[in-house]
C-alpha atoms as a PDB file:
ATOM      1  CA  MET A   1      -0.318   0.279   0.194  1.00  0.00           C
ATOM      2  CA  LYS A   2       2.842   2.746   0.766  1.00  0.00           C
ATOM      3  CA  ARG A   3       5.030   2.099  -2.731  1.00  0.00           C
ATOM      4  CA  THR A   4       1.193   2.806  -4.368  1.00  0.00           C
ATOM      5  CA  VAL A   5       1.006   5.908  -2.258  1.00  0.00           C
ATOM      6  CA  ILE A   6       4.415   6.979  -3.057  1.00  0.00           C
ATOM      7  CA  TRP A   7       3.699   6.155  -6.883  1.00  0.00           C
ATOM      8  CA  SER A   8       0.463   8.232  -7.236  1.00  0.00           C
ATOM      9  CA  TRP A   9       2.257  11.277  -5.949  1.00  0.00           C
ATOM     10  CA  ALA A  10       5.099  11.282  -8.317  1.00  0.00           C
ATOM     11  CA  ALA A  11       2.706  10.442 -11.334  1.00  0.00           C
ATOM     12  CA  VAL A  12       0.876  13.898  -9.448  1.00  0.00           C
ATOM     13  CA  ALA A  13       4.395  15.440  -9.793  1.00  0.00           C
ATOM     14  CA  LEU A  14       5.214  14.708 -12.816  1.00  0.00           C
ATOM     15  CA  LEU A  15       2.148  16.201 -14.212  1.00  0.00           C
ATOM     16  CA  VAL A  16       2.299  19.455 -12.411  1.00  0.00           C
ATOM     17  CA  LEU A  17       5.287  20.610 -13.224  1.00  0.00           C
ATOM     18  CA  PRO A  18       4.870  20.582 -16.980  1.00  0.00           C
ATOM     19  CA  PHE A  19       1.613  22.926 -16.176  1.00  0.00           C
ATOM     20  CA  GLN A  20       4.240  25.534 -13.981  1.00  0.00           C
ATOM     21  CA  ALA A  21       7.000  25.513 -16.865  1.00  0.00           C
ATOM     22  CA  CYS A  22       4.097  26.454 -19.661  1.00  0.00           C
ATOM     23  CA  LYS A  23       2.361  29.111 -17.020  1.00  0.00           C
ATOM     24  CA  LYS A  24       6.309  30.576 -16.902  1.00  0.00           C
ATOM     25  CA  ALA A  25       6.587  30.676 -20.361  1.00  0.00           C
ATOM     26  CA  GLU A  26       3.674  32.663 -20.674  1.00  0.00           C
ATOM     27  CA  VAL A  27       4.875  35.902 -19.469  1.00  0.00           C
ATOM     28  CA  GLU A  28       4.326  38.966 -20.858  1.00  0.00           C
ATOM     29  CA  THR A  29       7.240  41.198 -22.123  1.00  0.00           C
ATOM     30  CA  GLY A  30       7.661  44.879 -23.370  1.00  0.00           C
ATOM     31  CA  SER A  31      11.112  46.500 -24.207  1.00  0.00           C
ATOM     32  CA  LEU A  32      12.774  49.715 -23.655  1.00  0.00           C
ATOM     33  CA  SER A  33      15.042  51.555 -25.942  1.00  0.00           C
ATOM     34  CA  VAL A  34      17.390  54.891 -24.629  1.00  0.00           C
ATOM     35  CA  GLN A  35      19.009  57.215 -26.428  1.00  0.00           C
ATOM     36  CA  LEU A  36      21.467  59.513 -24.691  1.00  0.00           C
ATOM     37  CA  SER A  37      23.455  62.016 -26.318  1.00  0.00           C
ATOM     38  CA  ALA A  38      26.674  63.968 -26.233  1.00  0.00           C
ATOM     39  CA  GLY A  39      26.881  65.807 -22.511  1.00  0.00           C
ATOM     40  CA  VAL A  40      24.508  63.249 -20.638  1.00  0.00           C
ATOM     41  CA  SER A  41      24.811  60.630 -18.144  1.00  0.00           C
ATOM     42  CA  GLY A  42      22.722  58.610 -16.086  1.00  0.00           C
ATOM     43  CA  THR A  43      20.833  55.399 -16.079  1.00  0.00           C
ATOM     44  CA  PRO A  44      19.750  53.282 -17.474  1.00  0.00           C
ATOM     45  CA  ALA A  45      22.284  53.070 -20.283  1.00  0.00           C
ATOM     46  CA  ALA A  46      21.875  53.952 -23.680  1.00  0.00           C
ATOM     47  CA  GLY A  47      20.896  50.399 -25.214  1.00  0.00           C
ATOM     48  CA  SER A  48      17.706  48.514 -25.927  1.00  0.00           C
ATOM     49  CA  TYR A  49      16.177  46.212 -22.950  1.00  0.00           C
ATOM     50  CA  THR A  50      13.883  43.493 -23.046  1.00  0.00           C
ATOM     51  CA  LEU A  51      11.857  43.268 -19.594  1.00  0.00           C
ATOM     52  CA  ASN A  52       8.382  41.961 -17.966  1.00  0.00           C
ATOM     53  CA  VAL A  53       5.272  43.656 -18.554  1.00  0.00           C
ATOM     54  CA  GLY A  54       4.885  45.390 -15.251  1.00  0.00           C
ATOM     55  CA  GLU A  55       7.808  46.110 -14.142  1.00  0.00           C
ATOM     56  CA  THR A  56       9.336  49.591 -12.863  1.00  0.00           C
ATOM     57  CA  VAL A  57      12.130  50.492 -13.914  1.00  0.00           C
ATOM     58  CA  SER A  58      13.742  53.482 -12.199  1.00  0.00           C
ATOM     59  CA  TYR A  59      15.988  56.667 -14.391  1.00  0.00           C
ATOM     60  CA  SER A  60      18.099  59.207 -13.735  1.00  0.00           C
ATOM     61  CA  TYR A  61      19.662  62.108 -16.257  1.00  0.00           C
ATOM     62  CA  GLU A  62      22.261  65.151 -15.806  1.00  0.00           C
ATOM     63  CA  LEU A  63      24.559  67.047 -17.555  1.00  0.00           C
ATOM     64  CA  GLU A  64      27.811  67.145 -17.702  1.00  0.00           C
ATOM     65  CA  PRO A  65      30.239  70.207 -17.231  1.00  0.00           C
ATOM     66  CA  GLY A  66      29.951  72.085 -20.510  1.00  0.00           C
ATOM     67  CA  PHE A  67      26.648  71.895 -21.570  1.00  0.00           C
ATOM     68  CA  SER A  68      23.338  73.323 -20.440  1.00  0.00           C
ATOM     69  CA  ARG A  69      19.502  72.076 -20.417  1.00  0.00           C
ATOM     70  CA  LEU A  70      18.537  68.957 -20.125  1.00  0.00           C
ATOM     71  CA  THR A  71      15.653  67.092 -21.891  1.00  0.00           C
ATOM     72  CA  VAL A  72      14.428  64.070 -21.304  1.00  0.00           C
ATOM     73  CA  LEU A  73      11.663  62.526 -23.473  1.00  0.00           C
ATOM     74  CA  LEU A  74       9.344  59.280 -22.623  1.00  0.00           C
ATOM     75  CA  ASN A  75       7.734  57.985 -26.025  1.00  0.00           C
ATOM     76  CA  GLU A  76       8.504  61.513 -27.561  1.00  0.00           C
ATOM     77  CA  GLN A  77       6.540  63.362 -24.358  1.00  0.00           C
ATOM     78  CA  PRO A  78       8.508  65.814 -21.929  1.00  0.00           C
ATOM     79  CA  VAL A  79       9.375  64.286 -18.579  1.00  0.00           C
ATOM     80  CA  ALA A  80      11.607  64.635 -15.461  1.00  0.00           C
ATOM     81  CA  ALA A  81      14.926  64.177 -15.672  1.00  0.00           C
ATOM     82  CA  PHE A  82      14.367  61.678 -12.767  1.00  0.00           C
ATOM     83  CA  GLY A  83      11.532  58.808 -12.051  1.00  0.00           C
ATOM     84  CA  THR A  84       9.741  55.950 -12.718  1.00  0.00           C
ATOM     85  CA  LEU A  85       8.021  54.007 -15.569  1.00  0.00           C
ATOM     86  CA  THR A  86       6.465  50.826 -15.897  1.00  0.00           C
ATOM     87  CA  ILE A  87       6.840  48.394 -18.262  1.00  0.00           C
ATOM     88  CA  SER A  88       3.301  48.219 -20.731  1.00  0.00           C
ATOM     89  CA  GLY A  89       4.792  47.023 -24.138  1.00  0.00           C
ATOM     90  CA  SER A  90       7.313  49.086 -26.599  1.00  0.00           C
ATOM     91  CA  HIS A  91       8.871  52.399 -24.189  1.00  0.00           C
ATOM     92  CA  PHE A  92      11.403  54.951 -26.069  1.00  0.00           C
ATOM     93  CA  LEU A  93      13.404  56.966 -23.672  1.00  0.00           C
ATOM     94  CA  LYS A  94      15.561  59.940 -25.107  1.00  0.00           C
ATOM     95  CA  ALA A  95      17.909  62.454 -22.882  1.00  0.00           C
ATOM     96  CA  TYR A  96      19.996  65.378 -24.582  1.00  0.00           C
ATOM     97  CA  SER A  97      21.484  68.459 -23.859  1.00  0.00           C
ATOM     98  CA  ASP A  98      20.482  71.462 -26.191  1.00  0.00           C
ATOM     99  CA  ASP A  99      23.318  71.331 -27.911  1.00  0.00           C
ATOM    100  CA  ASN A 100      22.199  67.371 -29.107  1.00  0.00           C
ATOM    101  CA  LEU A 101      18.342  67.483 -29.718  1.00  0.00           C
ATOM    102  CA  GLU A 102      17.742  66.245 -32.891  1.00  0.00           C
ATOM    103  CA  TYR A 103      14.588  65.833 -34.800  1.00  0.00           C
ATOM    104  CA  LYS A 104      13.563  63.848 -37.655  1.00  0.00           C
ATOM    105  CA  LEU A 105      12.114  65.062 -40.992  1.00  0.00           C
ATOM    106  CA  THR A 106      10.140  62.962 -43.467  1.00  0.00           C
ATOM    107  CA  VAL A 107       9.751  64.204 -47.043  1.00  0.00           C
ATOM    108  CA  GLN A 108       7.229  61.770 -49.025  1.00  0.00           C
ATOM    109  CA  MET A 109       6.826  62.534 -52.713  1.00  0.00           C
ATOM    110  CA  THR A 110       4.960  61.220 -55.281  1.00  0.00           C
ATOM    111  CA  GLU A 111       5.562  61.077 -59.180  1.00  0.00           C
ATOM    112  CA  GLY A 112       5.204  64.135 -60.764  1.00  0.00           C
ATOM    113  CA  VAL A 113       6.818  66.220 -58.655  1.00  0.00           C
ATOM    114  CA  THR A 114       9.696  67.991 -58.267  1.00  0.00           C
ATOM    115  CA  GLY A 115      12.188  70.305 -55.809  1.00  0.00           C
ATOM    116  CA  SER A 116      14.133  69.841 -52.557  1.00  0.00           C
ATOM    117  CA  PRO A 117      14.697  68.581 -49.947  1.00  0.00           C
ATOM    118  CA  ALA A 118      14.517  65.376 -51.959  1.00  0.00           C
ATOM    119  CA  ALA A 119      12.284  62.146 -50.440  1.00  0.00           C
ATOM    120  CA  GLY A 120      13.841  60.374 -47.538  1.00  0.00           C
ATOM    121  CA  THR A 121      14.148  60.859 -43.668  1.00  0.00           C
ATOM    122  CA  TYR A 122      16.228  63.608 -42.413  1.00  0.00           C
ATOM    123  CA  TYR A 123      17.635  64.460 -38.957  1.00  0.00           C
ATOM    124  CA  TYR A 124      18.102  68.552 -38.198  1.00  0.00           C
ATOM    125  CA  LYS A 125      19.518  69.689 -34.632  1.00  0.00           C
ATOM    126  CA  ALA A 126      16.329  71.465 -32.402  1.00  0.00           C
ATOM    127  CA  GLY A 127      15.864  75.199 -34.215  1.00  0.00           C
ATOM    128  CA  THR A 128      16.751  74.342 -37.040  1.00  0.00           C
ATOM    129  CA  VAL A 129      15.006  76.081 -40.007  1.00  0.00           C
ATOM    130  CA  VAL A 130      14.853  74.073 -43.861  1.00  0.00           C
ATOM    131  CA  PRO A 131      13.767  76.032 -46.377  1.00  0.00           C
ATOM    132  CA  TYR A 132      11.633  73.673 -48.586  1.00  0.00           C
ATOM    133  CA  ALA A 133      10.222  74.518 -52.533  1.00  0.00           C
ATOM    134  CA  TYR A 134       8.331  71.988 -54.551  1.00  0.00           C
ATOM    135  CA  ALA A 135       6.124  72.382 -57.941  1.00  0.00           C
ATOM    136  CA  MET A 136       4.369  70.257 -60.160  1.00  0.00           C
ATOM    137  CA  ALA A 137       5.989  68.611 -63.496  1.00  0.00           C
ATOM    138  CA  GLU A 138       3.318  68.689 -66.650  1.00  0.00           C
ATOM    139  CA  GLY A 139       1.042  65.913 -67.164  1.00  0.00           C
ATOM    140  CA  TYR A 140      -0.141  66.060 -63.670  1.00  0.00           C
ATOM    141  CA  LYS A 141      -2.912  68.108 -61.416  1.00  0.00           C
ATOM    142  CA  GLY A 142      -4.144  68.401 -57.552  1.00  0.00           C
ATOM    143  CA  PHE A 143      -0.939  69.569 -56.584  1.00  0.00           C
ATOM    144  CA  ASN A 144      -0.458  69.848 -52.622  1.00  0.00           C
ATOM    145  CA  VAL A 145       2.010  70.178 -50.008  1.00  0.00           C
ATOM    146  CA  LYS A 146       1.463  68.824 -46.461  1.00  0.00           C
ATOM    147  CA  LEU A 147       2.977  69.300 -43.299  1.00  0.00           C
ATOM    148  CA  ASN A 148       2.191  67.181 -40.847  1.00  0.00           C
ATOM    149  CA  GLY A 149      -1.072  66.839 -42.732  1.00  0.00           C
ATOM    150  CA  SER A 150      -2.183  70.376 -43.178  1.00  0.00           C
ATOM    151  CA  ASP A 151      -2.214  72.329 -46.201  1.00  0.00           C
ATOM    152  CA  VAL A 152       0.994  74.435 -46.020  1.00  0.00           C
ATOM    153  CA  ALA A 153       2.441  76.553 -49.484  1.00  0.00           C
ATOM    154  CA  ALA A 154       4.523  75.069 -52.168  1.00  0.00           C
ATOM    155  CA  SER A 155       7.825  76.814 -50.815  1.00  0.00           C
ATOM    156  CA  GLY A 156       8.354  78.526 -47.497  1.00  0.00           C
ATOM    157  CA  SER A 157      10.484  76.525 -44.274  1.00  0.00           C
ATOM    158  CA  VAL A 158      10.083  74.241 -41.273  1.00  0.00           C
ATOM    159  CA  THR A 159      11.153  75.354 -37.740  1.00  0.00           C
ATOM    160  CA  MET A 160      12.077  71.850 -36.240  1.00  0.00           C
ATOM    161  CA  SER A 161      10.746  71.624 -32.665  1.00  0.00           C
ATOM    162  CA  GLN A 162       9.212  68.368 -33.209  1.00  0.00           C
ATOM    163  CA  ASP A 163       9.659  65.123 -35.726  1.00  0.00           C
ATOM    164  CA  CYS A 164       7.603  66.595 -38.765  1.00  0.00           C
ATOM    165  CA  VAL A 165       6.361  64.478 -42.016  1.00  0.00           C
ATOM    166  CA  LEU A 166       6.257  67.211 -45.551  1.00  0.00           C
ATOM    167  CA  TYR A 167       4.038  65.354 -47.978  1.00  0.00           C
ATOM    168  CA  VAL A 168       4.050  66.598 -51.905  1.00  0.00           C
ATOM    169  CA  GLY A 169       1.540  65.006 -54.033  1.00  0.00           C
ATOM    170  CA  ALA A 170      -0.226  65.252 -57.441  1.00  0.00           C
ATOM    171  CA  ALA A 171      -1.998  63.020 -59.645  1.00  0.00           C
ATOM    172  CA  VAL A 172      -1.556  62.082 -63.572  1.00  0.00           C
ATOM    173  CA  LYS A 173      -3.413  64.166 -65.809  1.00  0.00           C
ATOM    174  CA  GLN A 174      -5.718  63.277 -68.412  1.00  0.00           C
ATOM    175  CA  ASP A 175      -5.005  64.479 -71.764  1.00  0.00           C
ATOM    176  CA  VAL A 176      -7.713  66.238 -73.307  1.00  0.00           C
ATOM    177  CA  ARG A 177      -6.056  66.523 -76.869  1.00  0.00           C
ATOM    178  CA  GLY A 178      -7.630  64.693 -80.207  1.00  0.00           C
ATOM    179  CA  SER A 179     -10.457  64.389 -81.454  1.00  0.00           C
ATOM    180  CA  TRP A 180     -14.104  63.115 -79.560  1.00  0.00           C
ATOM    181  CA  ILE A 181     -17.451  62.150 -79.981  1.00  0.00           C
ATOM    182  CA  LEU A 182     -19.887  64.774 -78.198  1.00  0.00           C
ATOM    183  CA  SER A 183     -22.921  64.616 -77.162  1.00  0.00           C
ATOM    184  CA  GLU A 184     -25.552  67.340 -75.711  1.00  0.00           C
ATOM    185  CA  SER A 185     -28.704  67.296 -74.292  1.00  0.00           C
ATOM    186  CA  TYR A 186     -30.809  70.625 -73.326  1.00  0.00           C
ATOM    187  CA  SER A 187     -33.883  71.125 -70.582  1.00  0.00           C
ATOM    188  CA  ASP A 188     -35.820  72.500 -73.890  1.00  0.00           C
ATOM    189  CA  GLY A 189     -35.365  68.748 -75.248  1.00  0.00           C
ATOM    190  CA  SER A 190     -32.689  69.564 -78.028  1.00  0.00           C
ATOM    191  CA  SER A 191     -29.715  67.463 -78.277  1.00  0.00           C
ATOM    192  CA  PHE A 192     -26.622  67.167 -80.352  1.00  0.00           C
ATOM    193  CA  THR A 193     -23.857  65.060 -81.531  1.00  0.00           C
ATOM    194  CA  VAL A 194     -21.018  66.460 -82.911  1.00  0.00           C
ATOM    195  CA  THR A 195     -16.831  65.878 -83.136  1.00  0.00           C
ATOM    196  CA  VAL A 196     -14.896  68.047 -81.368  1.00  0.00           C
ATOM    197  CA  THR A 197     -11.118  68.229 -81.834  1.00  0.00           C
ATOM    198  CA  PHE A 198      -8.793  69.901 -78.771  1.00  0.00           C
ATOM    199  CA  SER A 199      -5.428  71.425 -79.830  1.00  0.00           C
ATOM    200  CA  GLY A 200      -2.942  72.934 -78.020  1.00  0.00           C
ATOM    201  CA  THR A 201      -1.058  71.595 -74.175  1.00  0.00           C
ATOM    202  CA  LEU A 202      -1.797  69.642 -71.612  1.00  0.00           C
ATOM    203  CA  PHE A 203      -3.545  73.112 -69.991  1.00  0.00           C
ATOM    204  CA  SER A 204      -5.040  75.172 -72.768  1.00  0.00           C
ATOM    205  CA  GLY A 205      -5.407  75.616 -76.576  1.00  0.00           C
ATOM    206  CA  THR A 206      -8.371  76.089 -79.081  1.00  0.00           C
ATOM    207  CA  VAL A 207     -11.280  73.478 -79.938  1.00  0.00           C
ATOM    208  CA  SER A 208     -13.237  73.596 -83.267  1.00  0.00           C
ATOM    209  CA  ASP A 209     -16.605  71.108 -83.851  1.00  0.00           C
ATOM    210  CA  SER A 210     -17.570  69.592 -87.211  1.00  0.00           C
ATOM    211  CA  GLU A 211     -20.323  72.178 -87.392  1.00  0.00           C
ATOM    212  CA  GLY A 212     -18.017  75.142 -88.046  1.00  0.00           C
ATOM    213  CA  GLY A 213     -17.818  76.393 -84.212  1.00  0.00           C
ATOM    214  CA  THR A 214     -14.337  77.467 -82.927  1.00  0.00           C
ATOM    215  CA  GLY A 215     -13.342  78.531 -78.959  1.00  0.00           C
ATOM    216  CA  THR A 216     -10.706  77.928 -76.499  1.00  0.00           C
ATOM    217  CA  TYR A 217     -10.102  75.827 -73.478  1.00  0.00           C
ATOM    218  CA  ASP A 218      -8.963  75.862 -70.344  1.00  0.00           C
ATOM    219  CA  TYR A 219      -7.788  72.444 -68.007  1.00  0.00           C
ATOM    220  CA  ALA A 220      -5.650  73.873 -65.714  1.00  0.00           C
ATOM    221  CA  ASP A 221      -7.175  73.055 -62.763  1.00  0.00           C
ATOM    222  CA  ASP A 222      -8.690  69.764 -62.567  1.00  0.00           C
ATOM    223  CA  THR A 223     -11.789  70.374 -64.617  1.00  0.00           C
ATOM    224  CA  LEU A 224     -12.041  71.022 -68.142  1.00  0.00           C
ATOM    225  CA  ASP A 225     -13.801  74.228 -69.546  1.00  0.00           C
ATOM    226  CA  PHE A 226     -14.262  75.013 -73.137  1.00  0.00           C
ATOM    227  CA  THR A 227     -16.694  77.393 -75.762  1.00  0.00           C
ATOM    228  CA  LEU A 228     -17.977  76.877 -79.455  1.00  0.00           C
ATOM    229  CA  VAL A 229     -18.684  79.531 -81.137  1.00  0.00           C
ATOM    230  CA  PHE A 230     -21.344  80.319 -84.211  1.00  0.00           C
ATOM    231  CA  PRO A 231     -22.545  83.904 -85.740  1.00  0.00           C
ATOM    232  CA  ASP A 232     -25.473  83.791 -83.505  1.00  0.00           C
ATOM    233  CA  VAL A 233     -25.460  81.275 -81.029  1.00  0.00           C
ATOM    234  CA  THR A 234     -22.777  80.266 -78.312  1.00  0.00           C
ATOM    235  CA  TYR A 235     -22.046  76.700 -76.086  1.00  0.00           C
ATOM    236  CA  LYS A 236     -20.381  77.122 -72.742  1.00  0.00           C
ATOM    237  CA  TYR A 237     -19.230  73.493 -71.365  1.00  0.00           C
ATOM    238  CA  SER A 238     -17.949  73.707 -68.024  1.00  0.00           C
ATOM    239  CA  ASP A 239     -17.018  71.117 -65.391  1.00  0.00           C
ATOM    240  CA  GLY A 240     -15.586  68.598 -67.122  1.00  0.00           C
ATOM    241  CA  GLU A 241     -14.189  65.815 -65.401  1.00  0.00           C
ATOM    242  CA  PHE A 242     -13.024  62.465 -66.466  1.00  0.00           C
ATOM    243  CA  SER A 243     -14.528  59.144 -65.508  1.00  0.00           C
ATOM    244  CA  ASP A 244     -11.038  57.311 -67.217  1.00  0.00           C
ATOM    245  CA  ALA A 245      -8.679  58.739 -69.945  1.00  0.00           C
ATOM    246  CA  ASP A 246     -11.171  58.010 -73.043  1.00  0.00           C
ATOM    247  CA  THR A 247     -14.578  59.744 -71.621  1.00  0.00           C
ATOM    248  CA  MET A 248     -15.539  62.890 -69.635  1.00  0.00           C
ATOM    249  CA  SER A 249     -18.654  64.885 -69.105  1.00  0.00           C
ATOM    250  CA  GLY A 250     -20.049  68.022 -67.363  1.00  0.00           C
ATOM    251  CA  LYS A 251     -22.249  70.894 -67.608  1.00  0.00           C
ATOM    252  CA  CYS A 252     -23.441  72.751 -70.626  1.00  0.00           C
ATOM    253  CA  GLN A 253     -25.367  76.373 -71.743  1.00  0.00           C
ATOM    254  CA  ARG A 254     -26.292  77.337 -75.486  1.00  0.00           C
ATOM    255  CA  SER A 255     -26.860  81.589 -75.344  1.00  0.00           C
ATOM    256  CA  GLN A 256     -28.362  83.365 -78.426  1.00  0.00           C
ATOM    257  CA  VAL A 257     -29.022  86.826 -78.607  1.00  0.00           C
ATOM    258  CA  GLU A 258     -32.340  87.710 -77.043  1.00  0.00           C
ATOM    259  CA  SER A 259     -32.755  84.641 -75.781  1.00  0.00           C
ATOM    260  CA  SER A 260     -32.524  82.849 -72.556  1.00  0.00           C
ATOM    261  CA  ALA A 261     -29.678  80.627 -72.104  1.00  0.00           C
ATOM    262  CA  VAL A 262     -30.854  76.936 -71.976  1.00  0.00           C
ATOM    263  CA  SER A 263     -28.943  74.279 -69.532  1.00  0.00           C
ATOM    264  CA  GLY A 264     -27.988  70.923 -70.573  1.00  0.00           C
ATOM    265  CA  THR A 265     -25.303  68.397 -70.050  1.00  0.00           C
ATOM    266  CA  TRP A 266     -22.715  66.710 -71.879  1.00  0.00           C
ATOM    267  CA  SER A 267     -20.754  63.766 -72.405  1.00  0.00           C
ATOM    268  CA  ALA A 268     -17.545  62.900 -74.871  1.00  0.00           C
ATOM    269  CA  VAL A 269     -16.106  59.530 -76.298  1.00  0.00           C
ATOM    270  CA  ARG A 270     -12.970  60.234 -77.460  1.00  0.00           C
ATOM    271  CA  VAL A 271     -12.098  58.622 -81.038  1.00  0.00           C
ATOM    272  CA  LYS A 272      -9.528  56.541 -81.126  1.00  0.00           C
ATOM    273  CA  THR A 273      -6.682  56.125 -83.672  1.00  0.00           C
ATOM    274  CA  GLY A 274      -8.262  55.011 -87.587  1.00  0.00           C
ATOM    275  CA  ALA A 275     -11.953  55.160 -85.955  1.00  0.00           C
ATOM    276  CA  SER A 276     -13.983  57.223 -87.277  1.00  0.00           C
ATOM    277  CA  SER A 277     -14.908  60.312 -86.240  1.00  0.00           C
ATOM    278  CA  ALA A 278     -17.890  61.317 -88.541  1.00  0.00           C
ATOM    279  CA  ALA A 279     -20.582  62.288 -86.052  1.00  0.00           C
ATOM    280  CA  ASN A 280     -23.706  65.052 -87.331  1.00  0.00           C
ATOM    281  CA  SER A 281     -26.487  64.462 -85.780  1.00  0.00           C
ATOM    282  CA  TYR A 282     -29.483  66.916 -84.401  1.00  0.00           C
ATOM    283  CA  LYS A 283     -33.001  66.696 -83.160  1.00  0.00           C
ATOM    284  CA  LYS A 284     -35.453  69.550 -83.330  1.00  0.00           C
ATOM    285  CA  GLY A 285     -34.971  69.740 -87.160  1.00  0.00           C
ATOM    286  CA  SER A 286     -32.501  72.347 -87.424  1.00  0.00           C
ATOM    287  CA  PRO A 287     -28.181  71.872 -87.253  1.00  0.00           C
ATOM    288  CA  LYS A 288     -26.338  73.112 -83.987  1.00  0.00           C
ATOM    289  CA  SER A 289     -25.038  76.140 -85.838  1.00  0.00           C
ATOM    290  CA  TYR A 290     -28.644  77.060 -86.404  1.00  0.00           C
ATOM    291  CA  ARG A 291     -30.672  76.248 -83.342  1.00  0.00           C
ATOM    292  CA  ARG A 292     -32.991  79.271 -82.144  1.00  0.00           C
END
């Protein structure tokens, strides 16, 4: 009977020990990264530490002779020169003298923009004024410059008093040049389909249609505006936007002498190379150029 009891306890011990070992392996850990500049001494020393979550760490820093103003940052927030922190995840402790405090400037740039500083990561001493200047390349639109998420001018300067992100972006501009099948519908029930041809730059130029109307276009911003003028009637097309490289649409208005303007909408599909561009149709019994 005695022998049976001894073996029973041994079996229990074997079951318990692996369970305790598993529990120990489940202890959660965090990290502490310490950065110290020249002219600063104290503990913990510069380096990376792995610690148990919930563990308390004491820190204390001071300036060495010949250096001025100590700055201590915990997770990028100013704290006292000495104190404690409780590990709960990843922590960053930095201690700098004024002569060595640095901030990071991250520059992000898309295609279609040029200027300086170029895309990359830069480090500057606190208080440094960093000039910047950017421009949009031809063939792009929607130019914008942001500093830490807020719109700023295309050129200016950044005073390094914190980590900063400078973003410069633009989007590809669609090319309006070439021939298009233009369809128009007006509130009085009239509608027309003609071929229009845009000639010039990506931003402006002249436009003509297959019934003899001529005018100009402007695509300097994000929308296309153009006019077609006949001897007795003028057509204005506005708010033109691309849904893809070969399709666009917007609003239009027909104005005639001694008549009220008539509003409508328009859409256009690009004429592909080699395709027929003939498109002269109309309703209400009179050509577009003589529509009353």
